[in-house]
Amino acid sequence: MPKHSKTHKKSDGAAVETIPLQLDPNSFVPTRNIRPLENASISPWTYNISHDDSLFPPVLSEARCLLQGCLDSQGVEDRNLESRPIMHQVLVLRRVRSAGAGDGHSYHYKLESRLIAVGCTCVRPIVHTPQQ
């Protein structure tokens, strides 16, 4: 068991191990200033930003493809190709009220997985041929 971990039982009798988690926003690596790809791509996208105070991080950005097709060399949409989102799995922490906390100020965090679009790419469409 990790140092400082605690074990308690859930209402169904299952044992749950908890460990303290300290997140220091100052320790995150700053992002480099790089050329924004969302407007330079032949499959451009924009970002939808969601905010949920019960999550860490509380703000998530998700890409949304702007076109059904892809841009050709003249910047005209070509519908013979398809813009598709690039999906990525991220882990978030959800703040959950602890059971039996009468004061309403006791919380713990539950690890959750989210599948979000991080950009868009251009693909050839899938062509289905009839079976004979």
N, C-alpha and C. Protein backbone atom coordinates (compact mmCIF):
# COMPACT_ATOMS: atom_id res chain seq x y z
N MET A 1 0.84 -1.18 0.00
CA MET A 1 0.00 0.00 0.00
C MET A 1 0.89 1.25 0.00
N PRO A 2 0.54 2.27 -0.79
CA PRO A 2 1.33 3.49 -0.79
C PRO A 2 1.29 4.17 0.58
N LYS A 3 2.32 4.94 0.87
CA LYS A 3 2.39 5.67 2.12
C LYS A 3 1.21 6.64 2.22
N HIS A 4 0.62 6.77 3.38
CA HIS A 4 -0.49 7.67 3.67
C HIS A 4 -1.80 7.22 3.02
N SER A 5 -1.89 5.99 2.57
CA SER A 5 -3.16 5.54 1.98
C SER A 5 -4.11 5.12 3.10
N LYS A 6 -5.40 5.14 2.79
CA LYS A 6 -6.43 4.74 3.74
C LYS A 6 -7.34 3.75 3.05
N THR A 7 -7.83 2.80 3.81
CA THR A 7 -8.78 1.84 3.27
C THR A 7 -10.08 1.98 4.04
N HIS A 8 -11.18 2.02 3.31
CA HIS A 8 -12.50 2.04 3.94
C HIS A 8 -13.43 1.15 3.14
N LYS A 9 -14.57 0.86 3.71
CA LYS A 9 -15.54 -0.03 3.06
C LYS A 9 -16.68 0.79 2.47
N LYS A 10 -17.09 0.41 1.26
CA LYS A 10 -18.26 1.02 0.64
C LYS A 10 -19.50 0.39 1.25
N SER A 11 -20.66 0.93 0.92
CA SER A 11 -21.92 0.42 1.48
C SER A 11 -22.16 -1.04 1.10
N ASP A 12 -21.59 -1.50 -0.03
CA ASP A 12 -21.78 -2.90 -0.43
C ASP A 12 -20.73 -3.82 0.19
N GLY A 13 -19.86 -3.27 1.05
CA GLY A 13 -18.87 -4.07 1.73
C GLY A 13 -17.53 -4.15 1.01
N ALA A 14 -17.44 -3.64 -0.20
CA ALA A 14 -16.19 -3.69 -0.96
C ALA A 14 -15.18 -2.72 -0.36
N ALA A 15 -13.93 -3.15 -0.30
CA ALA A 15 -12.87 -2.30 0.23
C ALA A 15 -12.41 -1.32 -0.85
N VAL A 16 -12.21 -0.07 -0.44
CA VAL A 16 -11.74 0.97 -1.34
C VAL A 16 -10.51 1.60 -0.72
N GLU A 17 -9.44 1.69 -1.51
CA GLU A 17 -8.22 2.32 -1.04
C GLU A 17 -8.16 3.74 -1.58
N THR A 18 -7.88 4.69 -0.70
CA THR A 18 -7.74 6.08 -1.13
C THR A 18 -6.35 6.56 -0.78
N ILE A 19 -5.83 7.44 -1.62
CA ILE A 19 -4.53 8.04 -1.36
C ILE A 19 -4.67 9.55 -1.52
N PRO A 20 -3.90 10.31 -0.74
CA PRO A 20 -3.98 11.77 -0.90
C PRO A 20 -3.39 12.18 -2.24
N LEU A 21 -3.96 13.20 -2.84
CA LEU A 21 -3.51 13.69 -4.13
C LEU A 21 -3.29 15.19 -4.01
N GLN A 22 -2.09 15.62 -4.34
CA GLN A 22 -1.79 17.04 -4.31
C GLN A 22 -1.43 17.48 -5.72
N LEU A 23 -2.17 18.43 -6.24
CA LEU A 23 -1.93 18.94 -7.58
C LEU A 23 -1.43 20.38 -7.47
N ASP A 24 -0.25 20.61 -8.00
CA ASP A 24 0.34 21.94 -7.96
C ASP A 24 0.31 22.53 -9.36
N PRO A 25 -0.59 23.50 -9.64
CA PRO A 25 -0.66 24.06 -10.99
C PRO A 25 0.64 24.70 -11.44
N ASN A 26 1.49 25.10 -10.48
CA ASN A 26 2.77 25.72 -10.84
C ASN A 26 3.78 24.71 -11.38
N SER A 27 3.52 23.42 -11.17
CA SER A 27 4.47 22.41 -11.63
C SER A 27 4.17 21.92 -13.04
N PHE A 28 3.06 22.36 -13.64
CA PHE A 28 2.75 21.94 -15.00
C PHE A 28 3.73 22.56 -15.98
N VAL A 29 4.07 21.80 -17.00
CA VAL A 29 4.99 22.28 -18.02
C VAL A 29 4.24 23.27 -18.92
N PRO A 30 4.77 24.48 -19.09
CA PRO A 30 4.07 25.43 -19.96
C PRO A 30 4.10 24.96 -21.41
N THR A 31 3.03 25.23 -22.13
CA THR A 31 2.99 24.84 -23.53
C THR A 31 3.82 25.80 -24.35
N ARG A 32 4.45 25.25 -25.38
CA ARG A 32 5.25 26.09 -26.28
C ARG A 32 4.31 26.82 -27.23
N ASN A 33 4.72 27.98 -27.65
CA ASN A 33 3.96 28.69 -28.67
C ASN A 33 4.29 28.06 -30.02
N ILE A 34 3.34 27.31 -30.55
CA ILE A 34 3.52 26.71 -31.86
C ILE A 34 2.43 27.21 -32.78
N ARG A 35 2.66 27.06 -34.05
CA ARG A 35 1.69 27.51 -35.04
C ARG A 35 0.37 26.78 -34.83
N PRO A 36 -0.75 27.50 -34.71
CA PRO A 36 -2.03 26.83 -34.53
C PRO A 36 -2.38 26.00 -35.76
N LEU A 37 -2.63 24.72 -35.55
CA LEU A 37 -2.91 23.82 -36.66
C LEU A 37 -4.35 23.85 -37.13
N GLU A 38 -5.27 24.27 -36.25
CA GLU A 38 -6.68 24.16 -36.59
C GLU A 38 -7.07 24.94 -37.85
N ASN A 39 -6.35 26.02 -38.16
CA ASN A 39 -6.66 26.79 -39.37
C ASN A 39 -5.72 26.49 -40.52
N ALA A 40 -4.62 25.78 -40.28
CA ALA A 40 -3.67 25.45 -41.34
C ALA A 40 -3.96 24.08 -41.94
N SER A 41 -4.86 23.35 -41.35
CA SER A 41 -5.17 21.99 -41.78
C SER A 41 -6.08 22.00 -43.01
N ILE A 42 -6.01 20.93 -43.82
CA ILE A 42 -6.98 20.79 -44.92
C ILE A 42 -8.31 20.27 -44.39
N SER A 43 -8.32 19.95 -43.10
CA SER A 43 -9.54 19.55 -42.41
C SER A 43 -9.65 20.44 -41.16
N PRO A 44 -10.01 21.73 -41.35
CA PRO A 44 -9.98 22.68 -40.23
C PRO A 44 -11.01 22.36 -39.16
N TRP A 45 -10.72 22.84 -37.96
CA TRP A 45 -11.63 22.62 -36.83
C TRP A 45 -11.65 23.85 -35.93
N THR A 46 -12.60 23.87 -35.04
CA THR A 46 -12.69 24.88 -34.01
C THR A 46 -12.79 24.14 -32.68
N TYR A 47 -12.73 24.88 -31.59
CA TYR A 47 -12.80 24.24 -30.28
C TYR A 47 -14.08 24.64 -29.56
N ASN A 48 -14.75 23.66 -28.99
CA ASN A 48 -15.85 23.90 -28.05
C ASN A 48 -15.26 23.73 -26.66
N ILE A 49 -15.51 24.68 -25.79
CA ILE A 49 -14.95 24.63 -24.45
C ILE A 49 -16.07 24.36 -23.46
N SER A 50 -15.88 23.32 -22.64
CA SER A 50 -16.86 23.01 -21.60
C SER A 50 -16.24 23.29 -20.24
N HIS A 51 -17.08 23.69 -19.30
CA HIS A 51 -16.63 24.03 -17.96
C HIS A 51 -17.47 23.26 -16.95
N ASP A 52 -16.79 22.54 -16.06
CA ASP A 52 -17.48 21.76 -15.02
C ASP A 52 -16.65 21.85 -13.74
N ASP A 53 -17.15 22.58 -12.76
CA ASP A 53 -16.41 22.79 -11.51
C ASP A 53 -16.21 21.52 -10.70
N SER A 54 -16.97 20.46 -11.02
CA SER A 54 -16.79 19.21 -10.27
C SER A 54 -15.68 18.35 -10.89
N LEU A 55 -15.06 18.82 -11.97
CA LEU A 55 -13.97 18.07 -12.61
C LEU A 55 -12.64 18.77 -12.41
N PHE A 56 -11.57 17.98 -12.43
CA PHE A 56 -10.22 18.53 -12.54
C PHE A 56 -9.56 17.84 -13.72
N PRO A 57 -9.16 18.57 -14.74
CA PRO A 57 -9.27 20.02 -14.85
C PRO A 57 -10.71 20.45 -15.11
N PRO A 58 -11.08 21.66 -14.65
CA PRO A 58 -12.47 22.09 -14.79
C PRO A 58 -12.85 22.53 -16.20
N VAL A 59 -11.86 22.78 -17.05
CA VAL A 59 -12.12 23.23 -18.42
C VAL A 59 -11.54 22.22 -19.39
N LEU A 60 -12.38 21.76 -20.33
CA LEU A 60 -11.94 20.84 -21.38
C LEU A 60 -12.26 21.45 -22.74
N SER A 61 -11.31 21.39 -23.65
CA SER A 61 -11.51 21.86 -25.02
C SER A 61 -11.67 20.65 -25.92
N GLU A 62 -12.70 20.67 -26.76
CA GLU A 62 -12.94 19.56 -27.68
C GLU A 62 -13.06 20.12 -29.08
N ALA A 63 -12.36 19.47 -30.02
CA ALA A 63 -12.37 19.91 -31.42
C ALA A 63 -13.69 19.56 -32.09
N ARG A 64 -14.11 20.42 -33.02
CA ARG A 64 -15.29 20.16 -33.84
C ARG A 64 -14.91 20.48 -35.28
N CYS A 65 -15.03 19.49 -36.16
CA CYS A 65 -14.67 19.68 -37.57
C CYS A 65 -15.60 20.71 -38.20
N LEU A 66 -15.02 21.62 -38.99
CA LEU A 66 -15.80 22.68 -39.62
C LEU A 66 -16.39 22.27 -40.96
N LEU A 67 -15.82 21.26 -41.60
CA LEU A 67 -16.27 20.84 -42.93
C LEU A 67 -16.64 19.37 -42.94
N GLN A 68 -17.49 18.99 -43.88
CA GLN A 68 -17.74 17.57 -44.12
C GLN A 68 -16.63 17.01 -45.00
N GLY A 69 -16.22 17.80 -45.99
CA GLY A 69 -15.13 17.40 -46.89
C GLY A 69 -13.81 17.97 -46.40
N CYS A 70 -12.83 18.07 -47.32
CA CYS A 70 -11.51 18.61 -47.01
C CYS A 70 -11.16 19.68 -48.03
N LEU A 71 -10.25 20.57 -47.67
CA LEU A 71 -9.85 21.65 -48.56
C LEU A 71 -8.84 21.16 -49.59
N ASP A 72 -9.02 21.59 -50.84
CA ASP A 72 -8.03 21.27 -51.87
C ASP A 72 -6.96 22.36 -51.87
N SER A 73 -6.03 22.32 -52.85
CA SER A 73 -4.91 23.27 -52.87
C SER A 73 -5.36 24.71 -53.11
N GLN A 74 -6.57 24.91 -53.64
CA GLN A 74 -7.10 26.26 -53.84
C GLN A 74 -7.97 26.72 -52.66
N GLY A 75 -8.13 25.87 -51.66
CA GLY A 75 -8.94 26.22 -50.50
C GLY A 75 -10.42 25.98 -50.70
N VAL A 76 -10.78 25.15 -51.70
CA VAL A 76 -12.17 24.82 -51.97
C VAL A 76 -12.46 23.45 -51.37
N GLU A 77 -13.64 23.31 -50.76
CA GLU A 77 -14.00 22.04 -50.13
C GLU A 77 -14.19 20.94 -51.18
N ASP A 78 -13.51 19.82 -50.97
CA ASP A 78 -13.62 18.64 -51.83
C ASP A 78 -14.42 17.59 -51.07
N ARG A 79 -15.62 17.29 -51.53
CA ARG A 79 -16.51 16.34 -50.85
C ARG A 79 -16.17 14.89 -51.19
N ASN A 80 -15.14 14.66 -52.04
CA ASN A 80 -14.68 13.29 -52.31
C ASN A 80 -13.83 12.77 -51.15
N LEU A 81 -13.47 13.65 -50.24
CA LEU A 81 -12.74 13.30 -49.03
C LEU A 81 -13.61 13.68 -47.84
N GLU A 82 -13.27 13.16 -46.65
CA GLU A 82 -14.08 13.43 -45.46
C GLU A 82 -13.22 13.94 -44.31
N SER A 83 -13.72 14.94 -43.60
CA SER A 83 -13.10 15.40 -42.36
C SER A 83 -13.62 14.54 -41.22
N ARG A 84 -12.71 14.02 -40.43
CA ARG A 84 -13.09 13.17 -39.29
C ARG A 84 -12.34 13.62 -38.04
N PRO A 85 -12.98 13.54 -36.88
CA PRO A 85 -12.30 13.91 -35.64
C PRO A 85 -11.23 12.89 -35.25
N ILE A 86 -10.18 13.39 -34.63
CA ILE A 86 -9.12 12.55 -34.06
C ILE A 86 -9.45 12.42 -32.58
N MET A 87 -9.73 11.21 -32.13
CA MET A 87 -10.17 10.98 -30.76
C MET A 87 -9.00 10.61 -29.85
N HIS A 88 -9.06 11.09 -28.62
CA HIS A 88 -8.00 10.83 -27.64
C HIS A 88 -8.65 10.61 -26.27
N GLN A 89 -8.16 9.62 -25.55
CA GLN A 89 -8.69 9.33 -24.22
C GLN A 89 -7.93 10.16 -23.20
N VAL A 90 -8.66 10.88 -22.35
CA VAL A 90 -8.05 11.67 -21.29
C VAL A 90 -8.62 11.22 -19.95
N LEU A 91 -7.84 11.42 -18.91
CA LEU A 91 -8.28 11.10 -17.56
C LEU A 91 -8.60 12.39 -16.83
N VAL A 92 -9.72 12.40 -16.14
CA VAL A 92 -10.12 13.55 -15.33
C VAL A 92 -10.49 13.05 -13.94
N LEU A 93 -10.50 13.96 -13.00
CA LEU A 93 -10.92 13.64 -11.63
C LEU A 93 -12.26 14.31 -11.38
N ARG A 94 -13.23 13.54 -10.90
CA ARG A 94 -14.55 14.09 -10.56
C ARG A 94 -14.66 14.20 -9.04
N ARG A 95 -15.05 15.39 -8.57
CA ARG A 95 -15.25 15.61 -7.14
C ARG A 95 -16.60 15.04 -6.75
N VAL A 96 -16.59 14.15 -5.75
CA VAL A 96 -17.80 13.45 -5.32
C VAL A 96 -17.96 13.66 -3.82
N ARG A 97 -19.18 13.96 -3.40
CA ARG A 97 -19.44 14.12 -1.96
C ARG A 97 -19.26 12.77 -1.27
N SER A 98 -18.51 12.75 -0.19
CA SER A 98 -18.27 11.52 0.54
C SER A 98 -19.52 11.07 1.26
N ALA A 99 -19.77 9.77 1.25
CA ALA A 99 -20.94 9.20 1.92
C ALA A 99 -20.81 9.41 3.43
N GLY A 100 -21.91 9.76 4.06
CA GLY A 100 -21.92 9.94 5.51
C GLY A 100 -21.34 11.26 5.96
N ALA A 101 -21.05 12.16 5.03
CA ALA A 101 -20.51 13.47 5.41
C ALA A 101 -21.68 14.39 5.70
N GLY A 102 -22.05 14.50 6.96
CA GLY A 102 -23.21 15.28 7.34
C GLY A 102 -23.05 16.77 7.10
N ASP A 103 -21.81 17.27 7.17
CA ASP A 103 -21.61 18.71 7.01
C ASP A 103 -21.63 19.14 5.54
N GLY A 104 -21.57 18.19 4.63
CA GLY A 104 -21.62 18.51 3.21
C GLY A 104 -20.32 19.08 2.66
N HIS A 105 -19.24 19.04 3.46
CA HIS A 105 -17.97 19.61 3.03
C HIS A 105 -16.89 18.56 2.83
N SER A 106 -17.25 17.30 2.89
CA SER A 106 -16.26 16.24 2.73
C SER A 106 -16.41 15.62 1.34
N TYR A 107 -15.33 15.67 0.58
CA TYR A 107 -15.34 15.18 -0.80
C TYR A 107 -14.17 14.24 -1.04
N HIS A 108 -14.31 13.44 -2.07
CA HIS A 108 -13.18 12.67 -2.58
C HIS A 108 -13.23 12.79 -4.10
N TYR A 109 -12.19 12.32 -4.76
CA TYR A 109 -12.11 12.42 -6.21
C TYR A 109 -12.13 11.03 -6.83
N LYS A 110 -12.89 10.91 -7.89
CA LYS A 110 -13.02 9.64 -8.60
C LYS A 110 -12.39 9.83 -9.99
N LEU A 111 -11.52 8.90 -10.36
CA LEU A 111 -10.86 8.96 -11.66
C LEU A 111 -11.83 8.52 -12.74
N GLU A 112 -11.98 9.34 -13.78
CA GLU A 112 -12.86 9.01 -14.90
C GLU A 112 -12.10 9.15 -16.21
N SER A 113 -12.57 8.44 -17.20
CA SER A 113 -11.97 8.49 -18.53
C SER A 113 -12.95 9.18 -19.47
N ARG A 114 -12.43 10.04 -20.32
CA ARG A 114 -13.25 10.72 -21.33
C ARG A 114 -12.59 10.52 -22.69
N LEU A 115 -13.41 10.36 -23.71
CA LEU A 115 -12.93 10.27 -25.08
C LEU A 115 -13.30 11.60 -25.75
N ILE A 116 -12.29 12.39 -26.10
CA ILE A 116 -12.55 13.70 -26.68
C ILE A 116 -11.86 13.85 -28.02
N ALA A 117 -12.42 14.70 -28.87
CA ALA A 117 -11.81 15.02 -30.16
C ALA A 117 -10.75 16.09 -29.93
N VAL A 118 -9.53 15.85 -30.40
CA VAL A 118 -8.43 16.80 -30.21
C VAL A 118 -8.07 17.54 -31.49
N GLY A 119 -8.62 17.14 -32.60
CA GLY A 119 -8.36 17.77 -33.89
C GLY A 119 -9.16 17.04 -34.95
N CYS A 120 -8.93 17.41 -36.21
CA CYS A 120 -9.61 16.74 -37.32
C CYS A 120 -8.58 16.36 -38.37
N THR A 121 -8.86 15.31 -39.09
CA THR A 121 -7.98 14.86 -40.16
C THR A 121 -8.82 14.54 -41.39
N CYS A 122 -8.15 14.46 -42.52
CA CYS A 122 -8.81 14.20 -43.78
C CYS A 122 -8.63 12.73 -44.15
N VAL A 123 -9.72 12.05 -44.49
CA VAL A 123 -9.65 10.63 -44.84
C VAL A 123 -10.41 10.37 -46.14
N ARG A 124 -10.04 9.27 -46.78
CA ARG A 124 -10.83 8.82 -47.94
C ARG A 124 -12.09 8.18 -47.40
N PRO A 125 -13.22 8.39 -48.05
CA PRO A 125 -14.46 7.77 -47.56
C PRO A 125 -14.43 6.26 -47.73
N ILE A 126 -15.15 5.59 -46.86
CA ILE A 126 -15.29 4.13 -46.96
C ILE A 126 -16.34 3.85 -48.02
N VAL A 127 -15.96 3.07 -49.01
CA VAL A 127 -16.89 2.74 -50.09
C VAL A 127 -17.32 1.29 -49.90
N HIS A 128 -18.61 1.09 -49.75
CA HIS A 128 -19.15 -0.26 -49.59
C HIS A 128 -19.59 -0.77 -50.95
N THR A 129 -19.07 -1.93 -51.32
CA THR A 129 -19.50 -2.54 -52.58
C THR A 129 -20.50 -3.64 -52.26
N PRO A 130 -21.53 -3.77 -53.07
CA PRO A 130 -22.53 -4.81 -52.81
C PRO A 130 -21.93 -6.21 -52.95
N GLN A 131 -22.32 -7.08 -52.03
CA GLN A 131 -21.87 -8.48 -52.07
C GLN A 131 -22.67 -9.24 -53.11
N GLN A 132 -22.00 -10.07 -53.89
CA GLN A 132 -22.71 -10.83 -54.92
C GLN A 132 -22.77 -12.29 -54.58
